[in-house]
Amino acid sequence: DHHVNYGPGSGLQDRVAFVQNDPSQYDASIRLADLQVSDTGTYQCRVKKNTVAVHEVIVTVQEKPAVPQCWIEGELIWGSSIILRCFSR
């Protein structure tokens, strides 16, 4: 029907659009801009021409890791051992 159903409260209205201007030309692909962790979920494509075809895609958006905090344990003496520790939230 040439429209995207966003679902209530999804926040997708300004970030989803068809890739092609006219989806009736056999390409109903959509582009989801500015991905966010909250966009993780199951998306369904329902195309209706003579019959209805449905396909679901699971999208998982992961957060970019935080900058690690790193430090040295032990003394910096030639020939001795040290431990390099790193931690990231």
PDB file of N, CA and C in Angstrom:
ATOM      1  N   ASP A   1       0.815  -1.207   0.000  1.00  0.00           N
ATOM      2  CA  ASP A   1       0.000   0.000   0.000  1.00  0.00           C
ATOM      3  C   ASP A   1       0.856   1.268   0.000  1.00  0.00           C
ATOM      4  N   HIS A   2       2.117   1.145  -0.315  1.00  0.00           N
ATOM      5  CA  HIS A   2       3.030   2.282  -0.452  1.00  0.00           C
ATOM      6  C   HIS A   2       3.233   3.070   0.835  1.00  0.00           C
ATOM      7  N   HIS A   3       3.175   2.411   1.977  1.00  0.00           N
ATOM      8  CA  HIS A   3       3.431   3.122   3.230  1.00  0.00           C
ATOM      9  C   HIS A   3       4.168   2.210   4.208  1.00  0.00           C
ATOM     10  N   VAL A   4       4.815   2.828   5.173  1.00  0.00           N
ATOM     11  CA  VAL A   4       5.528   2.114   6.228  1.00  0.00           C
ATOM     12  C   VAL A   4       4.714   2.250   7.502  1.00  0.00           C
ATOM     13  N   ASN A   5       4.444   1.126   8.169  1.00  0.00           N
ATOM     14  CA  ASN A   5       3.745   1.145   9.446  1.00  0.00           C
ATOM     15  C   ASN A   5       4.802   1.119  10.540  1.00  0.00           C
ATOM     16  N   TYR A   6       4.928   2.188  11.280  1.00  0.00           N
ATOM     17  CA  TYR A   6       6.011   2.355  12.246  1.00  0.00           C
ATOM     18  C   TYR A   6       5.745   1.690  13.584  1.00  0.00           C
ATOM     19  N   GLY A   7       4.521   1.474  13.937  1.00  0.00           N
ATOM     20  CA  GLY A   7       4.202   0.962  15.266  1.00  0.00           C
ATOM     21  C   GLY A   7       4.135   2.116  16.251  1.00  0.00           C
ATOM     22  N   PRO A   8       3.344   1.961  17.301  1.00  0.00           N
ATOM     23  CA  PRO A   8       3.161   3.067  18.252  1.00  0.00           C
ATOM     24  C   PRO A   8       4.420   3.325  19.083  1.00  0.00           C
ATOM     25  N   GLY A   9       4.776   4.586  19.204  1.00  0.00           N
ATOM     26  CA  GLY A   9       5.882   4.989  20.069  1.00  0.00           C
ATOM     27  C   GLY A   9       7.250   4.474  19.663  1.00  0.00           C
ATOM     28  N   SER A  10       7.435   4.116  18.405  1.00  0.00           N
ATOM     29  CA  SER A  10       8.715   3.528  17.979  1.00  0.00           C
ATOM     30  C   SER A  10       9.797   4.573  17.730  1.00  0.00           C
ATOM     31  N   GLY A  11       9.417   5.814  17.442  1.00  0.00           N
ATOM     32  CA  GLY A  11      10.401   6.848  17.152  1.00  0.00           C
ATOM     33  C   GLY A  11      11.062   6.692  15.796  1.00  0.00           C
ATOM     34  N   LEU A  12      10.458   5.916  14.895  1.00  0.00           N
ATOM     35  CA  LEU A  12      11.055   5.650  13.587  1.00  0.00           C
ATOM     36  C   LEU A  12      10.552   6.578  12.481  1.00  0.00           C
ATOM     37  N   GLN A  13       9.530   7.367  12.733  1.00  0.00           N
ATOM     38  CA  GLN A  13       8.870   8.150  11.687  1.00  0.00           C
ATOM     39  C   GLN A  13       9.833   8.980  10.847  1.00  0.00           C
ATOM     40  N   ASP A  14      10.824   9.603  11.464  1.00  0.00           N
ATOM     41  CA  ASP A  14      11.727  10.481  10.722  1.00  0.00           C
ATOM     42  C   ASP A  14      12.972   9.758  10.215  1.00  0.00           C
ATOM     43  N   ARG A  15      13.097   8.442  10.498  1.00  0.00           N
ATOM     44  CA  ARG A  15      14.332   7.742  10.154  1.00  0.00           C
ATOM     45  C   ARG A  15      14.146   6.585   9.184  1.00  0.00           C
ATOM     46  N   VAL A  16      12.910   6.297   8.777  1.00  0.00           N
ATOM     47  CA  VAL A  16      12.650   5.182   7.864  1.00  0.00           C
ATOM     48  C   VAL A  16      12.080   5.710   6.558  1.00  0.00           C
ATOM     49  N   ALA A  17      12.602   5.178   5.443  1.00  0.00           N
ATOM     50  CA  ALA A  17      12.084   5.567   4.129  1.00  0.00           C
ATOM     51  C   ALA A  17      12.312   4.419   3.152  1.00  0.00           C
ATOM     52  N   PHE A  18      11.489   4.359   2.127  1.00  0.00           N
ATOM     53  CA  PHE A  18      11.722   3.380   1.065  1.00  0.00           C
ATOM     54  C   PHE A  18      13.005   3.729   0.331  1.00  0.00           C
ATOM     55  N   VAL A  19      13.763   2.717  -0.076  1.00  0.00           N
ATOM     56  CA  VAL A  19      14.994   2.938  -0.834  1.00  0.00           C
ATOM     57  C   VAL A  19      14.652   3.480  -2.220  1.00  0.00           C
ATOM     58  N   GLN A  20      13.650   2.903  -2.859  1.00  0.00           N
ATOM     59  CA  GLN A  20      13.181   3.376  -4.163  1.00  0.00           C
ATOM     60  C   GLN A  20      11.955   4.262  -3.947  1.00  0.00           C
ATOM     61  N   ASN A  21      11.796   5.275  -4.768  1.00  0.00           N
ATOM     62  CA  ASN A  21      10.650   6.175  -4.621  1.00  0.00           C
ATOM     63  C   ASN A  21       9.316   5.461  -4.794  1.00  0.00           C
ATOM     64  N   ASP A  22       9.278   4.467  -5.693  1.00  0.00           N
ATOM     65  CA  ASP A  22       8.029   3.766  -5.973  1.00  0.00           C
ATOM     66  C   ASP A  22       8.192   2.280  -5.641  1.00  0.00           C
ATOM     67  N   PRO A  23       7.752   1.852  -4.451  1.00  0.00           N
ATOM     68  CA  PRO A  23       7.930   0.461  -4.066  1.00  0.00           C
ATOM     69  C   PRO A  23       7.135  -0.524  -4.916  1.00  0.00           C
ATOM     70  N   SER A  24       6.192  -0.046  -5.715  1.00  0.00           N
ATOM     71  CA  SER A  24       5.432  -0.957  -6.571  1.00  0.00           C
ATOM     72  C   SER A  24       6.267  -1.481  -7.739  1.00  0.00           C
ATOM     73  N   GLN A  25       7.471  -0.944  -7.904  1.00  0.00           N
ATOM     74  CA  GLN A  25       8.364  -1.408  -8.968  1.00  0.00           C
ATOM     75  C   GLN A  25       9.245  -2.564  -8.488  1.00  0.00           C
ATOM     76  N   TYR A  26       8.701  -3.405  -7.622  1.00  0.00           N
ATOM     77  CA  TYR A  26       9.316  -4.658  -7.161  1.00  0.00           C
ATOM     78  C   TYR A  26      10.482  -4.477  -6.198  1.00  0.00           C
ATOM     79  N   ASP A  27      10.645  -3.321  -5.594  1.00  0.00           N
ATOM     80  CA  ASP A  27      11.656  -3.151  -4.555  1.00  0.00           C
ATOM     81  C   ASP A  27      11.034  -2.345  -3.419  1.00  0.00           C
ATOM     82  N   ALA A  28      10.642  -3.058  -2.375  1.00  0.00           N
ATOM     83  CA  ALA A  28      10.024  -2.400  -1.216  1.00  0.00           C
ATOM     84  C   ALA A  28      11.026  -2.297  -0.070  1.00  0.00           C
ATOM     85  N   SER A  29      12.324  -2.276  -0.398  1.00  0.00           N
ATOM     86  CA  SER A  29      13.361  -2.160   0.625  1.00  0.00           C
ATOM     87  C   SER A  29      13.224  -0.835   1.354  1.00  0.00           C
ATOM     88  N   ILE A  30      13.568  -0.867   2.650  1.00  0.00           N
ATOM     89  CA  ILE A  30      13.547   0.367   3.434  1.00  0.00           C
ATOM     90  C   ILE A  30      14.942   0.648   3.963  1.00  0.00           C
ATOM     91  N   ARG A  31      15.189   1.901   4.259  1.00  0.00           N
ATOM     92  CA  ARG A  31      16.461   2.324   4.859  1.00  0.00           C
ATOM     93  C   ARG A  31      16.141   2.861   6.244  1.00  0.00           C
ATOM     94  N   LEU A  32      16.868   2.364   7.241  1.00  0.00           N
ATOM     95  CA  LEU A  32      16.706   2.826   8.619  1.00  0.00           C
ATOM     96  C   LEU A  32      17.937   3.638   8.967  1.00  0.00           C
ATOM     97  N   ALA A  33      17.759   4.947   9.131  1.00  0.00           N
ATOM     98  CA  ALA A  33      18.874   5.865   9.365  1.00  0.00           C
ATOM     99  C   ALA A  33      19.140   6.038  10.856  1.00  0.00           C
ATOM    100  N   ASP A  34      20.347   6.424  11.179  1.00  0.00           N
ATOM    101  CA  ASP A  34      20.741   6.772  12.546  1.00  0.00           C
ATOM    102  C   ASP A  34      20.352   5.676  13.531  1.00  0.00           C
ATOM    103  N   LEU A  35      20.893   4.456  13.299  1.00  0.00           N
ATOM    104  CA  LEU A  35      20.560   3.313  14.156  1.00  0.00           C
ATOM    105  C   LEU A  35      20.817   3.603  15.628  1.00  0.00           C
ATOM    106  N   GLN A  36      19.940   3.082  16.461  1.00  0.00           N
ATOM    107  CA  GLN A  36      20.056   3.226  17.901  1.00  0.00           C
ATOM    108  C   GLN A  36      19.836   1.864  18.539  1.00  0.00           C
ATOM    109  N   VAL A  37      20.368   1.663  19.727  1.00  0.00           N
ATOM    110  CA  VAL A  37      20.209   0.388  20.423  1.00  0.00           C
ATOM    111  C   VAL A  37      18.728   0.041  20.563  1.00  0.00           C
ATOM    112  N   SER A  38      17.898   1.039  20.756  1.00  0.00           N
ATOM    113  CA  SER A  38      16.456   0.799  20.915  1.00  0.00           C
ATOM    114  C   SER A  38      15.789   0.306  19.632  1.00  0.00           C
ATOM    115  N   ASP A  39      16.499   0.356  18.497  1.00  0.00           N
ATOM    116  CA  ASP A  39      15.957  -0.154  17.234  1.00  0.00           C
ATOM    117  C   ASP A  39      16.046  -1.674  17.142  1.00  0.00           C
ATOM    118  N   THR A  40      16.717  -2.306  18.091  1.00  0.00           N
ATOM    119  CA  THR A  40      16.807  -3.760  18.104  1.00  0.00           C
ATOM    120  C   THR A  40      15.402  -4.347  18.153  1.00  0.00           C
ATOM    121  N   GLY A  41      15.148  -5.329  17.290  1.00  0.00           N
ATOM    122  CA  GLY A  41      13.828  -5.954  17.288  1.00  0.00           C
ATOM    123  C   GLY A  41      13.596  -6.742  16.025  1.00  0.00           C
ATOM    124  N   THR A  42      12.388  -7.227  15.871  1.00  0.00           N
ATOM    125  CA  THR A  42      11.986  -7.978  14.685  1.00  0.00           C
ATOM    126  C   THR A  42      11.213  -7.049  13.767  1.00  0.00           C
ATOM    127  N   TYR A  43      11.662  -6.969  12.533  1.00  0.00           N
ATOM    128  CA  TYR A  43      11.012  -6.129  11.528  1.00  0.00           C
ATOM    129  C   TYR A  43      10.342  -7.039  10.510  1.00  0.00           C
ATOM    130  N   GLN A  44       9.177  -6.627  10.064  1.00  0.00           N
ATOM    131  CA  GLN A  44       8.419  -7.444   9.127  1.00  0.00           C
ATOM    132  C   GLN A  44       8.175  -6.672   7.840  1.00  0.00           C
ATOM    133  N   CYS A  45       8.445  -7.345   6.730  1.00  0.00           N
ATOM    134  CA  CYS A  45       8.154  -6.777   5.414  1.00  0.00           C
ATOM    135  C   CYS A  45       6.967  -7.542   4.845  1.00  0.00           C
ATOM    136  N   ARG A  46       5.921  -6.804   4.535  1.00  0.00           N
ATOM    137  CA  ARG A  46       4.721  -7.420   3.980  1.00  0.00           C
ATOM    138  C   ARG A  46       4.457  -6.767   2.627  1.00  0.00           C
ATOM    139  N   VAL A  47       4.583  -7.558   1.578  1.00  0.00           N
ATOM    140  CA  VAL A  47       4.401  -7.051   0.219  1.00  0.00           C
ATOM    141  C   VAL A  47       3.148  -7.691  -0.365  1.00  0.00           C
ATOM    142  N   LYS A  48       2.293  -6.842  -0.898  1.00  0.00           N
ATOM    143  CA  LYS A  48       1.034  -7.320  -1.462  1.00  0.00           C
ATOM    144  C   LYS A  48       0.965  -6.893  -2.924  1.00  0.00           C
ATOM    145  N   LYS A  49       1.007  -7.851  -3.820  1.00  0.00           N
ATOM    146  CA  LYS A  49       0.782  -7.576  -5.238  1.00  0.00           C
ATOM    147  C   LYS A  49      -0.468  -8.377  -5.610  1.00  0.00           C
ATOM    148  N   ASN A  50      -0.292  -9.550  -6.165  1.00  0.00           N
ATOM    149  CA  ASN A  50      -1.449 -10.424  -6.398  1.00  0.00           C
ATOM    150  C   ASN A  50      -1.730 -11.271  -5.158  1.00  0.00           C
ATOM    151  N   THR A  51      -0.667 -11.607  -4.456  1.00  0.00           N
ATOM    152  CA  THR A  51      -0.774 -12.335  -3.191  1.00  0.00           C
ATOM    153  C   THR A  51       0.016 -11.556  -2.146  1.00  0.00           C
ATOM    154  N   VAL A  52      -0.022 -12.020  -0.915  1.00  0.00           N
ATOM    155  CA  VAL A  52       0.714 -11.356   0.160  1.00  0.00           C
ATOM    156  C   VAL A  52       1.929 -12.208   0.511  1.00  0.00           C
ATOM    157  N   ALA A  53       3.094 -11.571   0.532  1.00  0.00           N
ATOM    158  CA  ALA A  53       4.328 -12.237   0.950  1.00  0.00           C
ATOM    159  C   ALA A  53       4.841 -11.523   2.195  1.00  0.00           C
ATOM    160  N   VAL A  54       5.247 -12.298   3.195  1.00  0.00           N
ATOM    161  CA  VAL A  54       5.712 -11.732   4.460  1.00  0.00           C
ATOM    162  C   VAL A  54       7.083 -12.305   4.773  1.00  0.00           C
ATOM    163  N   HIS A  55       7.987 -11.428   5.206  1.00  0.00           N
ATOM    164  CA  HIS A  55       9.323 -11.862   5.618  1.00  0.00           C
ATOM    165  C   HIS A  55       9.711 -11.071   6.855  1.00  0.00           C
ATOM    166  N   GLU A  56      10.267 -11.777   7.844  1.00  0.00           N
ATOM    167  CA  GLU A  56      10.706 -11.106   9.063  1.00  0.00           C
ATOM    168  C   GLU A  56      12.222 -11.112   9.151  1.00  0.00           C
ATOM    169  N   VAL A  57      12.773 -10.017   9.650  1.00  0.00           N
ATOM    170  CA  VAL A  57      14.214  -9.866   9.835  1.00  0.00           C
ATOM    171  C   VAL A  57      14.454  -9.428  11.267  1.00  0.00           C
ATOM    172  N   ILE A  58      15.397 -10.092  11.938  1.00  0.00           N
ATOM    173  CA  ILE A  58      15.764  -9.698  13.295  1.00  0.00           C
ATOM    174  C   ILE A  58      16.977  -8.787  13.201  1.00  0.00           C
ATOM    175  N   VAL A  59      16.844  -7.597  13.754  1.00  0.00           N
ATOM    176  CA  VAL A  59      17.925  -6.609  13.737  1.00  0.00           C
ATOM    177  C   VAL A  59      18.427  -6.436  15.167  1.00  0.00           C
ATOM    178  N   THR A  60      19.743  -6.568  15.341  1.00  0.00           N
ATOM    179  CA  THR A  60      20.362  -6.364  16.649  1.00  0.00           C
ATOM    180  C   THR A  60      21.364  -5.230  16.526  1.00  0.00           C
ATOM    181  N   VAL A  61      21.134  -4.159  17.256  1.00  0.00           N
ATOM    182  CA  VAL A  61      22.030  -3.007  17.248  1.00  0.00           C
ATOM    183  C   VAL A  61      22.803  -3.032  18.561  1.00  0.00           C
ATOM    184  N   GLN A  62      24.127  -3.094  18.450  1.00  0.00           N
ATOM    185  CA  GLN A  62      24.950  -3.139  19.650  1.00  0.00           C
ATOM    186  C   GLN A  62      25.580  -1.773  19.888  1.00  0.00           C
ATOM    187  N   GLU A  63      25.808  -1.491  21.147  1.00  0.00           N
ATOM    188  CA  GLU A  63      26.429  -0.221  21.502  1.00  0.00           C
ATOM    189  C   GLU A  63      27.909  -0.245  21.180  1.00  0.00           C
ATOM    190  N   LYS A  64      28.424   0.918  20.832  1.00  0.00           N
ATOM    191  CA  LYS A  64      29.852   1.078  20.651  1.00  0.00           C
ATOM    192  C   LYS A  64      30.489   0.960  22.028  1.00  0.00           C
ATOM    193  N   PRO A  65      31.570   0.173  22.160  1.00  0.00           N
ATOM    194  CA  PRO A  65      32.165   0.035  23.493  1.00  0.00           C
ATOM    195  C   PRO A  65      32.719   1.359  23.999  1.00  0.00           C
ATOM    196  N   ALA A  66      32.704   1.495  25.308  1.00  0.00           N
ATOM    197  CA  ALA A  66      33.259   2.686  25.935  1.00  0.00           C
ATOM    198  C   ALA A  66      34.779   2.673  25.793  1.00  0.00           C
ATOM    199  N   VAL A  67      35.371   3.819  25.901  1.00  0.00           N
ATOM    200  CA  VAL A  67      36.834   3.921  25.850  1.00  0.00           C
ATOM    201  C   VAL A  67      37.401   3.151  27.038  1.00  0.00           C
ATOM    202  N   PRO A  68      38.342   2.233  26.792  1.00  0.00           N
ATOM    203  CA  PRO A  68      38.858   1.438  27.903  1.00  0.00           C
ATOM    204  C   PRO A  68      39.735   2.268  28.841  1.00  0.00           C
ATOM    205  N   GLN A  69      39.740   1.856  30.090  1.00  0.00           N
ATOM    206  CA  GLN A  69      40.643   2.422  31.081  1.00  0.00           C
ATOM    207  C   GLN A  69      41.771   1.417  31.245  1.00  0.00           C
ATOM    208  N   CYS A  70      43.003   1.841  31.065  1.00  0.00           N
ATOM    209  CA  CYS A  70      44.145   0.935  31.119  1.00  0.00           C
ATOM    210  C   CYS A  70      45.172   1.441  32.126  1.00  0.00           C
ATOM    211  N   TRP A  71      45.885   0.503  32.746  1.00  0.00           N
ATOM    212  CA  TRP A  71      46.928   0.849  33.706  1.00  0.00           C
ATOM    213  C   TRP A  71      47.948  -0.274  33.798  1.00  0.00           C
ATOM    214  N   ILE A  72      49.058   0.030  34.408  1.00  0.00           N
ATOM    215  CA  ILE A  72      50.166  -0.911  34.572  1.00  0.00           C
ATOM    216  C   ILE A  72      50.261  -1.321  36.029  1.00  0.00           C
ATOM    217  N   GLU A  73      50.443  -2.616  36.264  1.00  0.00           N
ATOM    218  CA  GLU A  73      50.706  -3.109  37.607  1.00  0.00           C
ATOM    219  C   GLU A  73      52.131  -3.665  37.622  1.00  0.00           C
ATOM    220  N   GLY A  74      52.924  -3.187  38.517  1.00  0.00           N
ATOM    221  CA  GLY A  74      54.318  -3.603  38.620  1.00  0.00           C
ATOM    222  C   GLY A  74      55.224  -2.426  38.327  1.00  0.00           C
ATOM    223  N   GLU A  75      56.491  -2.613  38.605  1.00  0.00           N
ATOM    224  CA  GLU A  75      57.471  -1.551  38.378  1.00  0.00           C
ATOM    225  C   GLU A  75      58.087  -1.682  36.997  1.00  0.00           C
ATOM    226  N   LEU A  76      58.280  -0.533  36.361  1.00  0.00           N
ATOM    227  CA  LEU A  76      58.913  -0.507  35.042  1.00  0.00           C
ATOM    228  C   LEU A  76      60.432  -0.567  35.216  1.00  0.00           C
ATOM    229  N   ILE A  77      60.931  -1.741  35.415  1.00  0.00           N
ATOM    230  CA  ILE A  77      62.371  -1.956  35.574  1.00  0.00           C
ATOM    231  C   ILE A  77      62.804  -2.926  34.486  1.00  0.00           C
ATOM    232  N   TRP A  78      63.894  -2.596  33.809  1.00  0.00           N
ATOM    233  CA  TRP A  78      64.402  -3.431  32.717  1.00  0.00           C
ATOM    234  C   TRP A  78      64.557  -4.873  33.204  1.00  0.00           C
ATOM    235  N   GLY A  79      63.936  -5.804  32.470  1.00  0.00           N
ATOM    236  CA  GLY A  79      64.047  -7.219  32.783  1.00  0.00           C
ATOM    237  C   GLY A  79      62.990  -7.728  33.749  1.00  0.00           C
ATOM    238  N   SER A  80      62.197  -6.844  34.358  1.00  0.00           N
ATOM    239  CA  SER A  80      61.157  -7.309  35.281  1.00  0.00           C
ATOM    240  C   SER A  80      59.845  -7.515  34.530  1.00  0.00           C
ATOM    241  N   SER A  81      58.877  -8.100  35.194  1.00  0.00           N
ATOM    242  CA  SER A  81      57.561  -8.346  34.593  1.00  0.00           C
ATOM    243  C   SER A  81      56.567  -7.294  35.060  1.00  0.00           C
ATOM    244  N   ILE A  82      55.642  -6.970  34.176  1.00  0.00           N
ATOM    245  CA  ILE A  82      54.540  -6.072  34.530  1.00  0.00           C
ATOM    246  C   ILE A  82      53.247  -6.695  34.029  1.00  0.00           C
ATOM    247  N   ILE A  83      52.145  -6.192  34.518  1.00  0.00           N
ATOM    248  CA  ILE A  83      50.825  -6.611  34.047  1.00  0.00           C
ATOM    249  C   ILE A  83      50.141  -5.384  33.470  1.00  0.00           C
ATOM    250  N   LEU A  84      49.627  -5.516  32.261  1.00  0.00           N
ATOM    251  CA  LEU A  84      48.844  -4.437  31.624  1.00  0.00           C
ATOM    252  C   LEU A  84      47.373  -4.792  31.812  1.00  0.00           C
ATOM    253  N   ARG A  85      46.636  -3.956  32.465  1.00  0.00           N
ATOM    254  CA  ARG A  85      45.219  -4.206  32.723  1.00  0.00           C
ATOM    255  C   ARG A  85      44.363  -3.189  31.962  1.00  0.00           C
ATOM    256  N   CYS A  86      43.280  -3.674  31.413  1.00  0.00           N
ATOM    257  CA  CYS A  86      42.316  -2.800  30.734  1.00  0.00           C
ATOM    258  C   CYS A  86      40.915  -3.194  31.135  1.00  0.00           C
ATOM    259  N   PHE A  87      40.041  -2.202  31.214  1.00  0.00           N
ATOM    260  CA  PHE A  87      38.662  -2.418  31.623  1.00  0.00           C
ATOM    261  C   PHE A  87      37.780  -1.494  30.790  1.00  0.00           C
ATOM    262  N   SER A  88      36.640  -2.019  30.357  1.00  0.00           N
ATOM    263  CA  SER A  88      35.690  -1.207  29.618  1.00  0.00           C
ATOM    264  C   SER A  88      34.286  -1.542  30.092  1.00  0.00           C
ATOM    265  N   ARG A  89      33.455  -0.537  30.251  1.00  0.00           N
ATOM    266  CA  ARG A  89      32.061  -0.780  30.668  1.00  0.00           C
ATOM    267  C   ARG A  89      31.250  -1.259  29.490  1.00  0.00           C
TER     268      ARG A  89
END
